[in-house]
Amino acid sequence: MFNAIKRICLLLIFLCVVNIICYSQELCIPFHLSANSSIILEGYEMRGKPLNLYYDSGTTVSTLNKNTALELGFSYSGDTSSIESLGERHIPLYFFTNHYIDPYFYLFPCAIAEEILYDMVEEDVDGIVGHTPFLEKYLLEIDFENNQLCFRDTMPLFYTTNSQVKAAVLVRPDYGTEKKYSNYYSKDFFSIRGSYTIADSIIYTTFVLDTGCHSYSFANMFEESLFEKAIEYKKEKSAMYGDSYPTSRLTIPELGVDSLFTNMRVKKTFDKKAIHKQYFGNKSVGGYLGIDFFLQYKKILFDWKNKIAYFYKES
């Protein structure tokens, strides 16, 4: 009798495993790079319509363009707002009366104008998607080797066995310098730790991993005195050694990144209420790593639940 019960239990376990494997919810979406290297997801289906969507890991709000939204049956409430881009552009938002919960990209609450989207990616697209709360359930892989964005149920063995894969802990942008409102603003970003060396000063900070940033990296400076010091240091060293002398440095020990810059992109944000300052708490400098940083890797996998990112490139 015991053996019969044991066989039944083993059979049930086997059937459960087979059921899980057969009904895996993993999804891979093909993508291509636009003229300015934006990631464009191809043919993602929403309400029966295939869409091309701009994937921006630095955004936390999914939006459609206005024409696509109407084709999909959305209607507008008349309420509007705007968001500020990294380029300090204020982008109008048009809110829906009937929201849509997507199984992978979550809530689509609003739309933006088609021409603004075109300016962002230099291509006609149907909307923008980025960070999603469903990353508590899925692992997210950006695979530049096969040009696909994948939501995975389980960790591919490749990332834990390949010696050329490096791992970095995911932290919030305000890590170590939290303040009253940063707890709200910084919770939904992929960010890793590192440092800038600016004017001979090592500044420990965090770097938001932002595919919507069209450069390798840039430093968002929040203190005017530091910005002025960096400018004077650049002038001084250029006068002594020429314009090609590197005057800034970016270091990420977990990834083995140690990059010198002759000219590093810098944005100054001295307004204490600016939203991009809120992301980084009380830091004097906040960093962004853009699409050119991503493209040095063949695959990147984000394990949001366990707060680890894996980066693979061939030596």
C-alpha atoms as a PDB file:
ATOM      1  CA  MET A   1       0.000   0.000   0.000  1.00  0.00           C
ATOM      2  CA  PHE A   2       2.806   2.386   0.924  1.00  0.00           C
ATOM      3  CA  ASN A   3       4.610   1.738  -2.367  1.00  0.00           C
ATOM      4  CA  ALA A   4       1.407   2.373  -4.322  1.00  0.00           C
ATOM      5  CA  ILE A   5       0.895   5.709  -2.557  1.00  0.00           C
ATOM      6  CA  LYS A   6       4.545   6.589  -3.158  1.00  0.00           C
ATOM      7  CA  ARG A   7       4.212   5.825  -6.879  1.00  0.00           C
ATOM      8  CA  ILE A   8       1.082   7.997  -7.089  1.00  0.00           C
ATOM      9  CA  CYS A   9       2.857  10.871  -5.322  1.00  0.00           C
ATOM     10  CA  LEU A  10       5.844  10.623  -7.664  1.00  0.00           C
ATOM     11  CA  LEU A  11       3.491  10.581 -10.645  1.00  0.00           C
ATOM     12  CA  LEU A  12       1.712  13.705  -9.396  1.00  0.00           C
ATOM     13  CA  ILE A  13       5.041  15.484  -8.860  1.00  0.00           C
ATOM     14  CA  PHE A  14       6.140  14.489 -12.379  1.00  0.00           C
ATOM     15  CA  LEU A  15       2.891  15.770 -13.882  1.00  0.00           C
ATOM     16  CA  CYS A  16       3.231  19.061 -11.993  1.00  0.00           C
ATOM     17  CA  VAL A  17       6.782  19.555 -13.295  1.00  0.00           C
ATOM     18  CA  VAL A  18       5.704  18.738 -16.858  1.00  0.00           C
ATOM     19  CA  ASN A  19       2.775  21.135 -16.488  1.00  0.00           C
ATOM     20  CA  ILE A  20       5.071  23.956 -15.341  1.00  0.00           C
ATOM     21  CA  ILE A  21       7.471  23.325 -18.226  1.00  0.00           C
ATOM     22  CA  CYS A  22       4.713  23.067 -20.843  1.00  0.00           C
ATOM     23  CA  TYR A  23       2.997  26.222 -19.668  1.00  0.00           C
ATOM     24  CA  SER A  24       6.053  28.385 -19.187  1.00  0.00           C
ATOM     25  CA  GLN A  25       5.264  32.073 -19.531  1.00  0.00           C
ATOM     26  CA  GLU A  26       8.660  33.027 -20.925  1.00  0.00           C
ATOM     27  CA  LEU A  27       8.499  35.558 -23.736  1.00  0.00           C
ATOM     28  CA  CYS A  28      11.163  36.849 -26.133  1.00  0.00           C
ATOM     29  CA  ILE A  29      10.429  39.948 -28.220  1.00  0.00           C
ATOM     30  CA  PRO A  30      12.675  40.662 -31.239  1.00  0.00           C
ATOM     31  CA  PHE A  31      14.165  44.134 -31.501  1.00  0.00           C
ATOM     32  CA  HIS A  32      16.325  46.274 -33.736  1.00  0.00           C
ATOM     33  CA  LEU A  33      18.313  49.439 -33.108  1.00  0.00           C
ATOM     34  CA  SER A  34      17.072  52.672 -34.654  1.00  0.00           C
ATOM     35  CA  ALA A  35      19.331  55.243 -36.340  1.00  0.00           C
ATOM     36  CA  ASN A  36      20.287  56.685 -32.925  1.00  0.00           C
ATOM     37  CA  SER A  37      20.669  53.209 -31.338  1.00  0.00           C
ATOM     38  CA  SER A  38      17.320  53.190 -29.522  1.00  0.00           C
ATOM     39  CA  ILE A  39      15.982  49.684 -28.790  1.00  0.00           C
ATOM     40  CA  ILE A  40      12.782  49.151 -30.826  1.00  0.00           C
ATOM     41  CA  LEU A  41      10.728  46.084 -29.884  1.00  0.00           C
ATOM     42  CA  GLU A  42       9.105  44.572 -32.966  1.00  0.00           C
ATOM     43  CA  GLY A  43       5.547  43.299 -33.282  1.00  0.00           C
ATOM     44  CA  TYR A  44       4.596  43.206 -29.596  1.00  0.00           C
ATOM     45  CA  GLU A  45       0.890  42.356 -29.594  1.00  0.00           C
ATOM     46  CA  MET A  46      -1.597  44.449 -27.648  1.00  0.00           C
ATOM     47  CA  ARG A  47      -5.340  43.976 -28.047  1.00  0.00           C
ATOM     48  CA  GLY A  48      -4.680  41.963 -31.184  1.00  0.00           C
ATOM     49  CA  LYS A  49      -2.530  44.649 -32.854  1.00  0.00           C
ATOM     50  CA  PRO A  50       1.245  44.202 -33.377  1.00  0.00           C
ATOM     51  CA  LEU A  51       3.135  47.255 -32.107  1.00  0.00           C
ATOM     52  CA  ASN A  52       6.671  48.574 -32.376  1.00  0.00           C
ATOM     53  CA  LEU A  53       7.652  49.929 -28.968  1.00  0.00           C
ATOM     54  CA  TYR A  54      10.651  51.927 -27.781  1.00  0.00           C
ATOM     55  CA  TYR A  55      12.280  50.155 -24.821  1.00  0.00           C
ATOM     56  CA  ASP A  56      13.684  52.693 -22.352  1.00  0.00           C
ATOM     57  CA  SER A  57      14.940  51.099 -19.122  1.00  0.00           C
ATOM     58  CA  GLY A  58      15.067  54.567 -17.542  1.00  0.00           C
ATOM     59  CA  THR A  59      11.315  55.169 -17.732  1.00  0.00           C
ATOM     60  CA  THR A  60       8.714  53.950 -15.259  1.00  0.00           C
ATOM     61  CA  VAL A  61       5.568  54.894 -17.208  1.00  0.00           C
ATOM     62  CA  SER A  62       4.351  52.969 -20.279  1.00  0.00           C
ATOM     63  CA  THR A  63       2.764  55.219 -22.904  1.00  0.00           C
ATOM     64  CA  LEU A  64       1.303  54.928 -26.408  1.00  0.00           C
ATOM     65  CA  ASN A  65       1.373  57.446 -29.193  1.00  0.00           C
ATOM     66  CA  LYS A  66      -1.939  59.264 -29.627  1.00  0.00           C
ATOM     67  CA  ASN A  67      -2.896  57.708 -32.958  1.00  0.00           C
ATOM     68  CA  THR A  68      -2.122  54.145 -31.846  1.00  0.00           C
ATOM     69  CA  ALA A  69      -4.096  54.678 -28.636  1.00  0.00           C
ATOM     70  CA  LEU A  70      -7.201  55.654 -30.624  1.00  0.00           C
ATOM     71  CA  GLU A  71      -6.807  52.628 -32.917  1.00  0.00           C
ATOM     72  CA  LEU A  72      -6.686  50.366 -29.844  1.00  0.00           C
ATOM     73  CA  GLY A  73      -9.910  51.832 -28.454  1.00  0.00           C
ATOM     74  CA  PHE A  74      -8.569  54.168 -25.777  1.00  0.00           C
ATOM     75  CA  SER A  75     -10.408  57.388 -25.036  1.00  0.00           C
ATOM     76  CA  TYR A  76      -9.056  60.536 -23.428  1.00  0.00           C
ATOM     77  CA  SER A  77     -10.199  62.055 -20.154  1.00  0.00           C
ATOM     78  CA  GLY A  78      -9.125  65.595 -21.026  1.00  0.00           C
ATOM     79  CA  ASP A  79      -6.608  65.528 -18.171  1.00  0.00           C
ATOM     80  CA  THR A  80      -3.029  66.364 -19.115  1.00  0.00           C
ATOM     81  CA  SER A  81       0.318  66.597 -17.409  1.00  0.00           C
ATOM     82  CA  SER A  82       3.975  66.516 -18.452  1.00  0.00           C
ATOM     83  CA  ILE A  83       7.209  64.787 -17.591  1.00  0.00           C
ATOM     84  CA  GLU A  84      10.728  66.191 -17.834  1.00  0.00           C
ATOM     85  CA  SER A  85      13.252  64.264 -19.922  1.00  0.00           C
ATOM     86  CA  LEU A  86      16.971  64.128 -19.164  1.00  0.00           C
ATOM     87  CA  GLY A  87      17.393  66.689 -21.907  1.00  0.00           C
ATOM     88  CA  GLU A  88      15.184  69.048 -19.863  1.00  0.00           C
ATOM     89  CA  ARG A  89      12.368  68.745 -22.380  1.00  0.00           C
ATOM     90  CA  HIS A  90       8.836  68.846 -20.963  1.00  0.00           C
ATOM     91  CA  ILE A  91       6.777  66.135 -22.665  1.00  0.00           C
ATOM     92  CA  PRO A  92       2.958  66.490 -22.577  1.00  0.00           C
ATOM     93  CA  LEU A  93       0.939  63.459 -21.428  1.00  0.00           C
ATOM     94  CA  TYR A  94      -2.716  62.795 -22.352  1.00  0.00           C
ATOM     95  CA  PHE A  95      -4.519  60.544 -19.870  1.00  0.00           C
ATOM     96  CA  PHE A  96      -6.972  57.760 -20.719  1.00  0.00           C
ATOM     97  CA  THR A  97     -10.384  57.094 -19.210  1.00  0.00           C
ATOM     98  CA  ASN A  98      -9.986  53.350 -19.858  1.00  0.00           C
ATOM     99  CA  HIS A  99      -6.651  51.978 -18.698  1.00  0.00           C
ATOM    100  CA  TYR A 100      -5.060  48.728 -19.860  1.00  0.00           C
ATOM    101  CA  ILE A 101      -3.040  46.264 -17.764  1.00  0.00           C
ATOM    102  CA  ASP A 102      -0.545  44.508 -20.015  1.00  0.00           C
ATOM    103  CA  PRO A 103       0.691  41.033 -18.922  1.00  0.00           C
ATOM    104  CA  TYR A 104       4.338  42.113 -19.216  1.00  0.00           C
ATOM    105  CA  PHE A 105       4.561  45.917 -19.280  1.00  0.00           C
ATOM    106  CA  TYR A 106       1.760  46.548 -16.766  1.00  0.00           C
ATOM    107  CA  LEU A 107      -0.254  49.774 -16.863  1.00  0.00           C
ATOM    108  CA  PHE A 108      -0.691  52.058 -19.881  1.00  0.00           C
ATOM    109  CA  PRO A 109      -2.292  55.187 -18.380  1.00  0.00           C
ATOM    110  CA  CYS A 110      -1.602  57.812 -21.043  1.00  0.00           C
ATOM    111  CA  ALA A 111      -0.363  58.796 -24.496  1.00  0.00           C
ATOM    112  CA  ILE A 112       2.127  61.233 -26.005  1.00  0.00           C
ATOM    113  CA  ALA A 113       2.314  62.883 -29.420  1.00  0.00           C
ATOM    114  CA  GLU A 114       3.747  60.856 -32.325  1.00  0.00           C
ATOM    115  CA  GLU A 115       6.169  63.613 -33.339  1.00  0.00           C
ATOM    116  CA  ILE A 116       7.761  63.659 -29.876  1.00  0.00           C
ATOM    117  CA  LEU A 117       8.308  59.913 -30.037  1.00  0.00           C
ATOM    118  CA  TYR A 118       9.851  60.255 -33.485  1.00  0.00           C
ATOM    119  CA  ASP A 119      12.265  62.893 -32.196  1.00  0.00           C
ATOM    120  CA  MET A 120      13.330  60.551 -29.399  1.00  0.00           C
ATOM    121  CA  VAL A 121      14.172  57.527 -31.542  1.00  0.00           C
ATOM    122  CA  GLU A 122      14.354  58.847 -35.127  1.00  0.00           C
ATOM    123  CA  GLU A 123      11.759  56.295 -36.195  1.00  0.00           C
ATOM    124  CA  ASP A 124       7.967  55.878 -36.115  1.00  0.00           C
ATOM    125  CA  VAL A 125       6.968  53.842 -33.058  1.00  0.00           C
ATOM    126  CA  ASP A 126       3.717  53.075 -31.263  1.00  0.00           C
ATOM    127  CA  GLY A 127       4.801  53.828 -27.707  1.00  0.00           C
ATOM    128  CA  ILE A 128       7.363  53.592 -24.919  1.00  0.00           C
ATOM    129  CA  VAL A 129       7.825  50.826 -22.358  1.00  0.00           C
ATOM    130  CA  GLY A 130      10.338  50.482 -19.551  1.00  0.00           C
ATOM    131  CA  HIS A 131      10.493  49.347 -15.954  1.00  0.00           C
ATOM    132  CA  THR A 132       7.580  47.117 -14.970  1.00  0.00           C
ATOM    133  CA  PRO A 133       6.323  45.863 -11.576  1.00  0.00           C
ATOM    134  CA  PHE A 134       6.138  42.365 -13.110  1.00  0.00           C
ATOM    135  CA  LEU A 135       9.917  42.136 -12.724  1.00  0.00           C
ATOM    136  CA  GLU A 136       9.101  40.772  -9.264  1.00  0.00           C
ATOM    137  CA  LYS A 137       7.942  37.721 -11.247  1.00  0.00           C
ATOM    138  CA  TYR A 138      10.240  37.628 -14.285  1.00  0.00           C
ATOM    139  CA  LEU A 139      13.947  37.948 -15.009  1.00  0.00           C
ATOM    140  CA  LEU A 140      14.592  40.491 -17.759  1.00  0.00           C
ATOM    141  CA  GLU A 141      17.267  39.782 -20.379  1.00  0.00           C
ATOM    142  CA  ILE A 142      18.522  42.199 -23.040  1.00  0.00           C
ATOM    143  CA  ASP A 143      20.195  39.981 -25.611  1.00  0.00           C
ATOM    144  CA  PHE A 144      22.181  42.005 -28.161  1.00  0.00           C
ATOM    145  CA  GLU A 145      23.649  38.803 -29.604  1.00  0.00           C
ATOM    146  CA  ASN A 146      20.235  37.618 -30.833  1.00  0.00           C
ATOM    147  CA  ASN A 147      18.453  41.003 -30.817  1.00  0.00           C
ATOM    148  CA  GLN A 148      15.706  40.108 -28.387  1.00  0.00           C
ATOM    149  CA  LEU A 149      14.280  41.269 -25.071  1.00  0.00           C
ATOM    150  CA  CYS A 150      13.241  38.293 -22.945  1.00  0.00           C
ATOM    151  CA  PHE A 151      11.090  37.844 -19.859  1.00  0.00           C
ATOM    152  CA  ARG A 152      12.310  34.617 -18.250  1.00  0.00           C
ATOM    153  CA  ASP A 153      10.820  32.424 -15.532  1.00  0.00           C
ATOM    154  CA  THR A 154      14.127  30.907 -14.468  1.00  0.00           C
ATOM    155  CA  MET A 155      17.789  31.886 -14.445  1.00  0.00           C
ATOM    156  CA  PRO A 156      19.653  30.540 -17.512  1.00  0.00           C
ATOM    157  CA  LEU A 157      22.555  28.402 -16.302  1.00  0.00           C
ATOM    158  CA  PHE A 158      24.839  30.400 -18.604  1.00  0.00           C
ATOM    159  CA  TYR A 159      24.914  33.395 -16.226  1.00  0.00           C
ATOM    160  CA  THR A 160      26.141  31.414 -13.222  1.00  0.00           C
ATOM    161  CA  THR A 161      28.648  29.146 -14.989  1.00  0.00           C
ATOM    162  CA  ASN A 162      30.346  31.338 -17.603  1.00  0.00           C
ATOM    163  CA  SER A 163      33.563  32.899 -16.294  1.00  0.00           C
ATOM    164  CA  GLN A 164      33.121  35.913 -18.584  1.00  0.00           C
ATOM    165  CA  VAL A 165      29.889  36.954 -16.861  1.00  0.00           C
ATOM    166  CA  LYS A 166      30.271  39.646 -14.203  1.00  0.00           C
ATOM    167  CA  ALA A 167      27.623  40.430 -11.589  1.00  0.00           C
ATOM    168  CA  ALA A 168      26.766  43.756  -9.964  1.00  0.00           C
ATOM    169  CA  VAL A 169      24.429  44.409  -7.069  1.00  0.00           C
ATOM    170  CA  LEU A 170      21.365  46.476  -7.981  1.00  0.00           C
ATOM    171  CA  VAL A 171      20.763  49.352  -5.570  1.00  0.00           C
ATOM    172  CA  ARG A 172      18.477  52.359  -5.554  1.00  0.00           C
ATOM    173  CA  PRO A 173      19.926  55.575  -7.028  1.00  0.00           C
ATOM    174  CA  ASP A 174      19.651  57.213  -3.594  1.00  0.00           C
ATOM    175  CA  TYR A 175      21.613  54.363  -1.952  1.00  0.00           C
ATOM    176  CA  GLY A 176      23.347  55.638   1.188  1.00  0.00           C
ATOM    177  CA  THR A 177      22.041  59.209   0.866  1.00  0.00           C
ATOM    178  CA  GLU A 178      18.285  58.759   1.159  1.00  0.00           C
ATOM    179  CA  LYS A 179      16.082  61.734   1.911  1.00  0.00           C
ATOM    180  CA  LYS A 180      12.388  62.393   2.433  1.00  0.00           C
ATOM    181  CA  TYR A 181      11.111  62.125  -1.157  1.00  0.00           C
ATOM    182  CA  SER A 182      13.857  60.019  -2.774  1.00  0.00           C
ATOM    183  CA  ASN A 183      12.269  56.893  -1.263  1.00  0.00           C
ATOM    184  CA  TYR A 184       9.371  57.398  -3.672  1.00  0.00           C
ATOM    185  CA  TYR A 185      11.225  58.645  -6.747  1.00  0.00           C
ATOM    186  CA  SER A 186      14.123  56.189  -6.834  1.00  0.00           C
ATOM    187  CA  LYS A 187      12.434  52.861  -6.152  1.00  0.00           C
ATOM    188  CA  ASP A 188      11.945  51.652  -9.747  1.00  0.00           C
ATOM    189  CA  PHE A 189      15.327  52.104 -11.434  1.00  0.00           C
ATOM    190  CA  PHE A 190      18.114  49.704 -12.354  1.00  0.00           C
ATOM    191  CA  SER A 191      21.126  51.263 -10.649  1.00  0.00           C
ATOM    192  CA  ILE A 192      24.617  50.082  -9.670  1.00  0.00           C
ATOM    193  CA  ARG A 193      27.412  51.495  -7.515  1.00  0.00           C
ATOM    194  CA  GLY A 194      30.631  53.118  -8.676  1.00  0.00           C
ATOM    195  CA  SER A 195      32.522  56.393  -8.637  1.00  0.00           C
ATOM    196  CA  TYR A 196      33.511  59.411 -10.678  1.00  0.00           C
ATOM    197  CA  THR A 197      36.891  61.082 -10.342  1.00  0.00           C
ATOM    198  CA  ILE A 198      36.283  64.768 -11.026  1.00  0.00           C
ATOM    199  CA  ALA A 199      38.976  67.406 -10.514  1.00  0.00           C
ATOM    200  CA  ASP A 200      41.153  64.904  -8.611  1.00  0.00           C
ATOM    201  CA  SER A 201      38.276  64.122  -6.198  1.00  0.00           C
ATOM    202  CA  ILE A 202      36.830  60.601  -6.001  1.00  0.00           C
ATOM    203  CA  ILE A 203      33.049  60.835  -5.662  1.00  0.00           C
ATOM    204  CA  TYR A 204      31.212  57.614  -4.802  1.00  0.00           C
ATOM    205  CA  THR A 205      27.812  57.515  -6.398  1.00  0.00           C
ATOM    206  CA  THR A 206      25.294  55.343  -8.228  1.00  0.00           C
ATOM    207  CA  PHE A 207      24.647  54.928 -11.943  1.00  0.00           C
ATOM    208  CA  VAL A 208      21.183  54.502 -13.423  1.00  0.00           C
ATOM    209  CA  LEU A 209      21.259  51.955 -16.265  1.00  0.00           C
ATOM    210  CA  ASP A 210      19.274  53.861 -18.863  1.00  0.00           C
ATOM    211  CA  THR A 211      18.890  52.609 -22.439  1.00  0.00           C
ATOM    212  CA  GLY A 212      17.101  55.886 -23.195  1.00  0.00           C
ATOM    213  CA  CYS A 213      20.306  57.851 -22.590  1.00  0.00           C
ATOM    214  CA  HIS A 214      22.043  58.289 -25.951  1.00  0.00           C
ATOM    215  CA  SER A 215      25.637  58.290 -24.779  1.00  0.00           C
ATOM    216  CA  TYR A 216      28.053  56.056 -22.861  1.00  0.00           C
ATOM    217  CA  SER A 217      27.700  57.991 -19.622  1.00  0.00           C
ATOM    218  CA  PHE A 218      26.983  61.383 -18.207  1.00  0.00           C
ATOM    219  CA  ALA A 219      27.261  62.965 -14.804  1.00  0.00           C
ATOM    220  CA  ASN A 220      24.361  64.957 -13.380  1.00  0.00           C
ATOM    221  CA  MET A 221      25.976  67.501 -11.032  1.00  0.00           C
ATOM    222  CA  PHE A 222      23.876  68.854  -8.191  1.00  0.00           C
ATOM    223  CA  GLU A 223      26.400  71.185  -6.532  1.00  0.00           C
ATOM    224  CA  GLU A 224      27.404  74.390  -8.279  1.00  0.00           C
ATOM    225  CA  SER A 225      30.789  74.558  -6.515  1.00  0.00           C
ATOM    226  CA  LEU A 226      31.717  71.086  -7.806  1.00  0.00           C
ATOM    227  CA  PHE A 227      30.654  72.005 -11.343  1.00  0.00           C
ATOM    228  CA  GLU A 228      32.781  75.173 -11.278  1.00  0.00           C
ATOM    229  CA  LYS A 229      35.723  73.220  -9.847  1.00  0.00           C
ATOM    230  CA  ALA A 230      35.459  70.691 -12.696  1.00  0.00           C
ATOM    231  CA  ILE A 231      35.427  73.457 -15.310  1.00  0.00           C
ATOM    232  CA  GLU A 232      38.487  75.164 -13.841  1.00  0.00           C
ATOM    233  CA  TYR A 233      40.339  71.856 -13.543  1.00  0.00           C
ATOM    234  CA  LYS A 234      39.623  71.097 -17.204  1.00  0.00           C
ATOM    235  CA  LYS A 235      40.921  74.524 -18.284  1.00  0.00           C
ATOM    236  CA  GLU A 236      44.052  74.174 -16.168  1.00  0.00           C
ATOM    237  CA  LYS A 237      44.993  70.687 -17.406  1.00  0.00           C
ATOM    238  CA  SER A 238      44.181  71.522 -21.030  1.00  0.00           C
ATOM    239  CA  ALA A 239      46.463  74.549 -20.852  1.00  0.00           C
ATOM    240  CA  MET A 240      49.269  72.382 -19.443  1.00  0.00           C
ATOM    241  CA  TYR A 241      48.886  69.179 -21.477  1.00  0.00           C
ATOM    242  CA  GLY A 242      46.521  69.919 -24.356  1.00  0.00           C
ATOM    243  CA  ASP A 243      42.830  69.245 -24.973  1.00  0.00           C
ATOM    244  CA  SER A 244      43.347  65.483 -25.271  1.00  0.00           C
ATOM    245  CA  TYR A 245      44.437  65.105 -21.630  1.00  0.00           C
ATOM    246  CA  PRO A 246      41.845  63.070 -19.660  1.00  0.00           C
ATOM    247  CA  THR A 247      40.364  64.996 -16.741  1.00  0.00           C
ATOM    248  CA  SER A 248      37.623  62.672 -15.457  1.00  0.00           C
ATOM    249  CA  ARG A 249      37.233  59.002 -14.683  1.00  0.00           C
ATOM    250  CA  LEU A 250      34.404  56.473 -14.248  1.00  0.00           C
ATOM    251  CA  THR A 251      34.993  53.360 -12.141  1.00  0.00           C
ATOM    252  CA  ILE A 252      32.697  50.382 -11.480  1.00  0.00           C
ATOM    253  CA  PRO A 253      34.767  47.758  -9.606  1.00  0.00           C
ATOM    254  CA  GLU A 254      32.161  44.962  -9.812  1.00  0.00           C
ATOM    255  CA  LEU A 255      32.266  45.099 -13.619  1.00  0.00           C
ATOM    256  CA  GLY A 256      35.961  45.853 -14.000  1.00  0.00           C
ATOM    257  CA  VAL A 257      35.129  49.213 -15.584  1.00  0.00           C
ATOM    258  CA  ASP A 258      37.798  51.917 -15.296  1.00  0.00           C
ATOM    259  CA  SER A 259      37.330  54.529 -18.025  1.00  0.00           C
ATOM    260  CA  LEU A 260      39.178  57.805 -18.530  1.00  0.00           C
ATOM    261  CA  PHE A 261      37.420  60.688 -20.301  1.00  0.00           C
ATOM    262  CA  THR A 262      38.865  63.644 -22.149  1.00  0.00           C
ATOM    263  CA  ASN A 263      35.403  65.126 -22.470  1.00  0.00           C
ATOM    264  CA  MET A 264      32.645  63.684 -20.321  1.00  0.00           C
ATOM    265  CA  ARG A 265      29.038  64.711 -20.814  1.00  0.00           C
ATOM    266  CA  VAL A 266      27.837  66.717 -17.823  1.00  0.00           C
ATOM    267  CA  LYS A 267      24.412  68.068 -16.895  1.00  0.00           C
ATOM    268  CA  LYS A 268      24.020  70.628 -14.119  1.00  0.00           C
ATOM    269  CA  THR A 269      20.929  70.498 -11.910  1.00  0.00           C
ATOM    270  CA  PHE A 270      21.156  73.032  -9.100  1.00  0.00           C
ATOM    271  CA  ASP A 271      17.419  73.342  -8.419  1.00  0.00           C
ATOM    272  CA  LYS A 272      16.850  71.317  -5.240  1.00  0.00           C
ATOM    273  CA  LYS A 273      13.290  70.476  -6.301  1.00  0.00           C
ATOM    274  CA  ALA A 274      14.249  69.091  -9.738  1.00  0.00           C
ATOM    275  CA  ILE A 275      12.902  65.582 -10.220  1.00  0.00           C
ATOM    276  CA  HIS A 276      16.218  64.169 -11.469  1.00  0.00           C
ATOM    277  CA  LYS A 277      17.884  65.336  -8.254  1.00  0.00           C
ATOM    278  CA  GLN A 278      15.226  63.540  -6.221  1.00  0.00           C
ATOM    279  CA  TYR A 279      16.326  60.194  -7.711  1.00  0.00           C
ATOM    280  CA  PHE A 280      19.771  60.444  -6.110  1.00  0.00           C
ATOM    281  CA  GLY A 281      18.918  61.583  -2.586  1.00  0.00           C
ATOM    282  CA  ASN A 282      21.608  63.862  -1.181  1.00  0.00           C
ATOM    283  CA  LYS A 283      24.385  62.889  -3.597  1.00  0.00           C
ATOM    284  CA  SER A 284      26.527  65.637  -5.108  1.00  0.00           C
ATOM    285  CA  VAL A 285      26.654  63.766  -8.437  1.00  0.00           C
ATOM    286  CA  GLY A 286      24.340  61.184  -9.986  1.00  0.00           C
ATOM    287  CA  GLY A 287      25.438  59.000 -12.879  1.00  0.00           C
ATOM    288  CA  TYR A 288      23.694  57.594 -15.945  1.00  0.00           C
ATOM    289  CA  LEU A 289      25.009  54.767 -18.123  1.00  0.00           C
ATOM    290  CA  GLY A 290      23.414  54.893 -21.555  1.00  0.00           C
ATOM    291  CA  ILE A 291      22.932  52.760 -24.636  1.00  0.00           C
ATOM    292  CA  ASP A 292      26.607  52.937 -25.677  1.00  0.00           C
ATOM    293  CA  PHE A 293      27.507  51.402 -22.314  1.00  0.00           C
ATOM    294  CA  PHE A 294      24.949  48.613 -22.867  1.00  0.00           C
ATOM    295  CA  LEU A 295      26.223  47.866 -26.372  1.00  0.00           C
ATOM    296  CA  GLN A 296      29.654  46.785 -25.136  1.00  0.00           C
ATOM    297  CA  TYR A 297      27.933  43.664 -23.760  1.00  0.00           C
ATOM    298  CA  LYS A 298      26.411  40.747 -25.646  1.00  0.00           C
ATOM    299  CA  LYS A 299      23.845  39.969 -22.952  1.00  0.00           C
ATOM    300  CA  ILE A 300      22.596  41.660 -19.786  1.00  0.00           C
ATOM    301  CA  LEU A 301      20.200  40.014 -17.362  1.00  0.00           C
ATOM    302  CA  PHE A 302      18.381  41.784 -14.530  1.00  0.00           C
ATOM    303  CA  ASP A 303      17.299  39.714 -11.540  1.00  0.00           C
ATOM    304  CA  TRP A 304      15.194  42.429  -9.937  1.00  0.00           C
ATOM    305  CA  LYS A 305      13.792  40.197  -7.201  1.00  0.00           C
ATOM    306  CA  ASN A 306      17.271  39.321  -5.886  1.00  0.00           C
ATOM    307  CA  LYS A 307      18.746  42.725  -6.861  1.00  0.00           C
ATOM    308  CA  ILE A 308      21.572  41.449  -9.079  1.00  0.00           C
ATOM    309  CA  ALA A 309      22.454  42.280 -12.698  1.00  0.00           C
ATOM    310  CA  TYR A 310      24.613  40.025 -14.865  1.00  0.00           C
ATOM    311  CA  PHE A 311      26.780  41.380 -17.699  1.00  0.00           C
ATOM    312  CA  TYR A 312      28.352  39.199 -20.390  1.00  0.00           C
ATOM    313  CA  LYS A 313      30.928  40.169 -22.968  1.00  0.00           C
ATOM    314  CA  GLU A 314      33.703  38.242 -24.641  1.00  0.00           C
ATOM    315  CA  SER A 315      37.217  39.047 -23.492  1.00  0.00           C
END
